[in-house]
Amino acid sequence: MVIEVRGFKPLVPESCFLAPTACIIGDVQLGLNCSVWFNAVVRGDVNSIRVGNQVNIQDGAIIHATFEKHATSIGDRVSIGHNAIVHGCTIHDDVLIGMGSIVMDGCVVESNCIIAAGAVVTQHSRLESGWIYAGVPAKAVKRIDTSAFSGEIERIARNYIMYSSWFSDLESK
């Protein structure tokens, strides 16, 4: 469902897949080949949300922003896991945000990071490239081989484009 609010209508390219129960609201711009899955909400009612190319926002995830403080910006090839919350922050390219994790206001997640399932990235944190972050609050727990990781992120992004094609007969926009 695409909903206009406060004069802002989401911009969703034809190459994107929106599941029938996904909600895209307000000042939202999706890049090419994105997918927003069942019961996910991308709510740009209080501030802008900008999403890069080949981003998958999985089932039940919530993307929001902070009124008059923090917009949300998501780079290319980002995978946002089931039931994750991404709120008023900046996510750079090639990031994996694990299932059920939370990224709070004012955070910056540099490229080539993994946020483990269930992790909570507290306000105004900066996550350095090349690390896995886990726990509550999230802390760097393991260095990753960014060359191998980049290939894995690209694989996941491609897979979600493939998964989207399985639903091409649905009326999703």
C-alpha atoms as a PDB file:
ATOM      1  CA  MET A   1       0.000   0.000   0.000  1.00  0.00           C
ATOM      2  CA  VAL A   2       1.361   3.407  -1.001  1.00  0.00           C
ATOM      3  CA  ILE A   3      -0.039   6.312   1.025  1.00  0.00           C
ATOM      4  CA  GLU A   4       0.375  10.038   0.455  1.00  0.00           C
ATOM      5  CA  VAL A   5       0.628  12.180   3.598  1.00  0.00           C
ATOM      6  CA  ARG A   6       1.255  15.918   4.114  1.00  0.00           C
ATOM      7  CA  GLY A   7       1.548  16.338   0.343  1.00  0.00           C
ATOM      8  CA  PHE A   8       4.296  13.705   0.024  1.00  0.00           C
ATOM      9  CA  LYS A   9       3.648  10.680  -2.165  1.00  0.00           C
ATOM     10  CA  PRO A  10       6.236   7.883  -2.059  1.00  0.00           C
ATOM     11  CA  LEU A  11       8.381   7.459  -5.180  1.00  0.00           C
ATOM     12  CA  VAL A  12       8.583   3.774  -6.033  1.00  0.00           C
ATOM     13  CA  PRO A  13      10.238   2.709  -9.324  1.00  0.00           C
ATOM     14  CA  GLU A  14       8.488   0.019 -11.393  1.00  0.00           C
ATOM     15  CA  SER A  15      11.449  -2.309 -10.751  1.00  0.00           C
ATOM     16  CA  CYS A  16      10.562  -2.518  -7.046  1.00  0.00           C
ATOM     17  CA  PHE A  17       8.433  -5.200  -5.412  1.00  0.00           C
ATOM     18  CA  LEU A  18       5.960  -4.189  -2.708  1.00  0.00           C
ATOM     19  CA  ALA A  19       4.203  -7.061  -0.990  1.00  0.00           C
ATOM     20  CA  PRO A  20       0.436  -6.509  -0.777  1.00  0.00           C
ATOM     21  CA  THR A  21       0.605  -5.933   2.993  1.00  0.00           C
ATOM     22  CA  ALA A  22       3.646  -3.616   2.913  1.00  0.00           C
ATOM     23  CA  CYS A  23       3.025   0.072   3.713  1.00  0.00           C
ATOM     24  CA  ILE A  24       5.064   2.854   2.118  1.00  0.00           C
ATOM     25  CA  ILE A  25       3.991   6.221   3.500  1.00  0.00           C
ATOM     26  CA  GLY A  26       4.858   9.851   2.788  1.00  0.00           C
ATOM     27  CA  ASP A  27       8.292  11.287   1.967  1.00  0.00           C
ATOM     28  CA  VAL A  28       9.907   8.035   0.830  1.00  0.00           C
ATOM     29  CA  GLN A  29      12.069   7.410  -2.223  1.00  0.00           C
ATOM     30  CA  LEU A  30      13.081   3.862  -3.118  1.00  0.00           C
ATOM     31  CA  GLY A  31      15.942   3.103  -5.500  1.00  0.00           C
ATOM     32  CA  LEU A  32      15.897   0.520  -8.294  1.00  0.00           C
ATOM     33  CA  ASN A  33      15.203  -3.175  -7.666  1.00  0.00           C
ATOM     34  CA  CYS A  34      14.199  -2.777  -4.022  1.00  0.00           C
ATOM     35  CA  SER A  35      11.747  -5.036  -2.243  1.00  0.00           C
ATOM     36  CA  VAL A  36       9.508  -4.309   0.717  1.00  0.00           C
ATOM     37  CA  TRP A  37       8.089  -7.517   2.122  1.00  0.00           C
ATOM     38  CA  PHE A  38       4.958  -8.602   3.951  1.00  0.00           C
ATOM     39  CA  ASN A  39       3.899  -6.374   6.872  1.00  0.00           C
ATOM     40  CA  ALA A  40       6.937  -4.115   6.526  1.00  0.00           C
ATOM     41  CA  VAL A  41       6.366  -0.387   7.083  1.00  0.00           C
ATOM     42  CA  VAL A  42       8.423   2.433   5.563  1.00  0.00           C
ATOM     43  CA  ARG A  43       6.873   5.494   7.198  1.00  0.00           C
ATOM     44  CA  GLY A  44       8.070   8.881   5.947  1.00  0.00           C
ATOM     45  CA  ASP A  45       5.388  10.931   7.675  1.00  0.00           C
ATOM     46  CA  VAL A  46       7.599  12.951  10.057  1.00  0.00           C
ATOM     47  CA  ASN A  47      10.829  13.166   8.037  1.00  0.00           C
ATOM     48  CA  SER A  48      12.314  11.864   4.793  1.00  0.00           C
ATOM     49  CA  ILE A  49      13.429   8.314   4.064  1.00  0.00           C
ATOM     50  CA  ARG A  50      15.817   7.683   1.163  1.00  0.00           C
ATOM     51  CA  VAL A  51      16.601   4.113   0.127  1.00  0.00           C
ATOM     52  CA  GLY A  52      19.317   3.132  -2.374  1.00  0.00           C
ATOM     53  CA  ASN A  53      19.302   0.410  -5.021  1.00  0.00           C
ATOM     54  CA  GLN A  54      18.832  -3.334  -4.428  1.00  0.00           C
ATOM     55  CA  VAL A  55      17.698  -2.906  -0.823  1.00  0.00           C
ATOM     56  CA  ASN A  56      15.470  -5.556   0.736  1.00  0.00           C
ATOM     57  CA  ILE A  57      13.277  -4.634   3.666  1.00  0.00           C
ATOM     58  CA  GLN A  58      12.111  -7.964   4.984  1.00  0.00           C
ATOM     59  CA  ASP A  59       8.870  -9.061   6.621  1.00  0.00           C
ATOM     60  CA  GLY A  60       7.731  -6.983   9.581  1.00  0.00           C
ATOM     61  CA  ALA A  61      10.615  -4.489   9.444  1.00  0.00           C
ATOM     62  CA  ILE A  62       9.909  -0.871  10.343  1.00  0.00           C
ATOM     63  CA  ILE A  63      11.766   2.068   8.813  1.00  0.00           C
ATOM     64  CA  HIS A  64      10.926   5.464  10.344  1.00  0.00           C
ATOM     65  CA  ALA A  65      12.579   8.814  11.133  1.00  0.00           C
ATOM     66  CA  THR A  66      12.510  11.480  13.852  1.00  0.00           C
ATOM     67  CA  PHE A  67      10.399  14.597  13.559  1.00  0.00           C
ATOM     68  CA  GLU A  68      12.521  17.702  12.870  1.00  0.00           C
ATOM     69  CA  LYS A  69      15.718  15.876  13.885  1.00  0.00           C
ATOM     70  CA  HIS A  70      16.797  12.791  11.965  1.00  0.00           C
ATOM     71  CA  ALA A  71      15.922  11.676   8.448  1.00  0.00           C
ATOM     72  CA  THR A  72      16.686   8.073   7.483  1.00  0.00           C
ATOM     73  CA  SER A  73      19.136   7.258   4.692  1.00  0.00           C
ATOM     74  CA  ILE A  74      19.860   3.724   3.492  1.00  0.00           C
ATOM     75  CA  GLY A  75      22.575   2.966   0.922  1.00  0.00           C
ATOM     76  CA  ASP A  76      22.776   0.347  -1.832  1.00  0.00           C
ATOM     77  CA  ARG A  77      22.626  -3.436  -1.310  1.00  0.00           C
ATOM     78  CA  VAL A  78      21.411  -3.233   2.283  1.00  0.00           C
ATOM     79  CA  SER A  79      19.477  -6.170   3.721  1.00  0.00           C
ATOM     80  CA  ILE A  80      17.171  -5.288   6.600  1.00  0.00           C
ATOM     81  CA  GLY A  81      16.148  -8.493   8.370  1.00  0.00           C
ATOM     82  CA  HIS A  82      12.725  -9.599   9.508  1.00  0.00           C
ATOM     83  CA  ASN A  83      11.239  -7.459  12.310  1.00  0.00           C
ATOM     84  CA  ALA A  84      14.211  -5.082  12.435  1.00  0.00           C
ATOM     85  CA  ILE A  85      13.690  -1.409  13.324  1.00  0.00           C
ATOM     86  CA  VAL A  86      15.726   1.270  11.553  1.00  0.00           C
ATOM     87  CA  HIS A  87      14.961   4.721  12.972  1.00  0.00           C
ATOM     88  CA  GLY A  88      16.349   8.152  12.104  1.00  0.00           C
ATOM     89  CA  CYS A  89      19.808   6.967  11.098  1.00  0.00           C
ATOM     90  CA  THR A  90      22.245   6.606   8.210  1.00  0.00           C
ATOM     91  CA  ILE A  91      23.085   3.176   6.821  1.00  0.00           C
ATOM     92  CA  HIS A  92      25.847   3.126   4.189  1.00  0.00           C
ATOM     93  CA  ASP A  93      26.209   0.594   1.317  1.00  0.00           C
ATOM     94  CA  ASP A  94      26.662  -3.169   1.743  1.00  0.00           C
ATOM     95  CA  VAL A  95      25.260  -3.631   5.243  1.00  0.00           C
ATOM     96  CA  LEU A  96      23.388  -6.572   6.748  1.00  0.00           C
ATOM     97  CA  ILE A  97      20.984  -5.668   9.560  1.00  0.00           C
ATOM     98  CA  GLY A  98      19.994  -8.851  11.371  1.00  0.00           C
ATOM     99  CA  MET A  99      16.534 -10.056  12.284  1.00  0.00           C
ATOM    100  CA  GLY A 100      14.948  -8.268  15.220  1.00  0.00           C
ATOM    101  CA  SER A 101      17.758  -5.761  15.595  1.00  0.00           C
ATOM    102  CA  ILE A 102      17.227  -2.068  16.341  1.00  0.00           C
ATOM    103  CA  VAL A 103      19.229   0.869  14.967  1.00  0.00           C
ATOM    104  CA  MET A 104      18.359   4.067  16.855  1.00  0.00           C
ATOM    105  CA  ASP A 105      18.322   7.791  16.080  1.00  0.00           C
ATOM    106  CA  GLY A 106      21.481   9.531  14.953  1.00  0.00           C
ATOM    107  CA  CYS A 107      23.447   6.337  14.286  1.00  0.00           C
ATOM    108  CA  VAL A 108      25.814   5.970  11.362  1.00  0.00           C
ATOM    109  CA  VAL A 109      26.516   2.447  10.107  1.00  0.00           C
ATOM    110  CA  GLU A 110      29.508   2.445   7.760  1.00  0.00           C
ATOM    111  CA  SER A 111      29.741   0.154   4.711  1.00  0.00           C
ATOM    112  CA  ASN A 112      30.567  -3.521   5.142  1.00  0.00           C
ATOM    113  CA  CYS A 113      29.049  -4.021   8.592  1.00  0.00           C
ATOM    114  CA  ILE A 114      26.931  -6.803   9.998  1.00  0.00           C
ATOM    115  CA  ILE A 115      24.515  -6.062  12.826  1.00  0.00           C
ATOM    116  CA  ALA A 116      23.687  -9.386  14.470  1.00  0.00           C
ATOM    117  CA  ALA A 117      20.138 -10.574  15.076  1.00  0.00           C
ATOM    118  CA  GLY A 118      18.635  -8.953  18.157  1.00  0.00           C
ATOM    119  CA  ALA A 119      21.379  -6.335  18.547  1.00  0.00           C
ATOM    120  CA  VAL A 120      20.482  -2.832  19.721  1.00  0.00           C
ATOM    121  CA  VAL A 121      22.560   0.001  18.270  1.00  0.00           C
ATOM    122  CA  THR A 122      22.030   2.854  20.731  1.00  0.00           C
ATOM    123  CA  GLN A 123      21.531   6.513  19.815  1.00  0.00           C
ATOM    124  CA  HIS A 124      24.339   8.381  18.067  1.00  0.00           C
ATOM    125  CA  SER A 125      26.585   5.310  17.742  1.00  0.00           C
ATOM    126  CA  ARG A 126      28.992   5.087  14.815  1.00  0.00           C
ATOM    127  CA  LEU A 127      29.670   1.539  13.589  1.00  0.00           C
ATOM    128  CA  GLU A 128      33.044   1.177  11.908  1.00  0.00           C
ATOM    129  CA  SER A 129      33.358  -0.643   8.588  1.00  0.00           C
ATOM    130  CA  GLY A 130      34.506  -4.259   8.641  1.00  0.00           C
ATOM    131  CA  TRP A 131      33.005  -5.452  11.929  1.00  0.00           C
ATOM    132  CA  ILE A 132      30.199  -7.631  13.232  1.00  0.00           C
ATOM    133  CA  TYR A 133      28.257  -5.862  15.978  1.00  0.00           C
ATOM    134  CA  ALA A 134      26.195  -7.841  18.491  1.00  0.00           C
ATOM    135  CA  GLY A 135      24.538  -7.494  21.875  1.00  0.00           C
ATOM    136  CA  VAL A 136      22.554  -4.984  23.874  1.00  0.00           C
ATOM    137  CA  PRO A 137      23.986  -2.446  23.523  1.00  0.00           C
ATOM    138  CA  ALA A 138      25.708  -3.494  20.292  1.00  0.00           C
ATOM    139  CA  LYS A 139      29.500  -3.763  20.435  1.00  0.00           C
ATOM    140  CA  ALA A 140      32.099  -4.795  17.853  1.00  0.00           C
ATOM    141  CA  VAL A 141      32.662  -8.523  18.385  1.00  0.00           C
ATOM    142  CA  LYS A 142      34.536  -9.782  15.325  1.00  0.00           C
ATOM    143  CA  ARG A 143      36.480  -8.372  12.385  1.00  0.00           C
ATOM    144  CA  ILE A 144      35.177  -9.581   9.028  1.00  0.00           C
ATOM    145  CA  ASP A 145      36.904 -10.161   5.715  1.00  0.00           C
ATOM    146  CA  THR A 146      35.283  -7.330   3.768  1.00  0.00           C
ATOM    147  CA  SER A 147      36.142  -8.819   0.357  1.00  0.00           C
ATOM    148  CA  ALA A 148      34.277 -12.033   1.177  1.00  0.00           C
ATOM    149  CA  PHE A 149      31.518 -10.109   2.922  1.00  0.00           C
ATOM    150  CA  SER A 150      30.868  -7.837  -0.096  1.00  0.00           C
ATOM    151  CA  GLY A 151      30.263 -10.917  -2.248  1.00  0.00           C
ATOM    152  CA  GLU A 152      27.811 -12.265   0.315  1.00  0.00           C
ATOM    153  CA  ILE A 153      25.889  -8.978   0.488  1.00  0.00           C
ATOM    154  CA  GLU A 154      25.654  -8.857  -3.319  1.00  0.00           C
ATOM    155  CA  ARG A 155      24.399 -12.465  -3.309  1.00  0.00           C
ATOM    156  CA  ILE A 156      21.660 -11.659  -0.791  1.00  0.00           C
ATOM    157  CA  ALA A 157      20.611  -8.556  -2.770  1.00  0.00           C
ATOM    158  CA  ARG A 158      20.429 -10.634  -5.995  1.00  0.00           C
ATOM    159  CA  ASN A 159      18.481 -13.371  -4.225  1.00  0.00           C
ATOM    160  CA  TYR A 160      15.851 -10.905  -3.023  1.00  0.00           C
ATOM    161  CA  ILE A 161      15.430  -9.641  -6.581  1.00  0.00           C
ATOM    162  CA  MET A 162      14.875 -13.276  -7.597  1.00  0.00           C
ATOM    163  CA  TYR A 163      12.422 -13.863  -4.717  1.00  0.00           C
ATOM    164  CA  SER A 164      10.505 -10.759  -5.829  1.00  0.00           C
ATOM    165  CA  SER A 165      10.102 -12.233  -9.310  1.00  0.00           C
ATOM    166  CA  TRP A 166       8.201 -15.172  -7.812  1.00  0.00           C
ATOM    167  CA  PHE A 167       5.424 -12.724  -6.922  1.00  0.00           C
ATOM    168  CA  SER A 168       5.233 -10.944 -10.276  1.00  0.00           C
ATOM    169  CA  ASP A 169       1.599 -11.951 -10.766  1.00  0.00           C
ATOM    170  CA  LEU A 170       0.479 -10.144  -7.578  1.00  0.00           C
ATOM    171  CA  GLU A 171      -1.064  -6.693  -7.812  1.00  0.00           C
ATOM    172  CA  SER A 172       1.460  -5.072  -5.453  1.00  0.00           C
ATOM    173  CA  LYS A 173       1.329  -1.325  -6.194  1.00  0.00           C
END
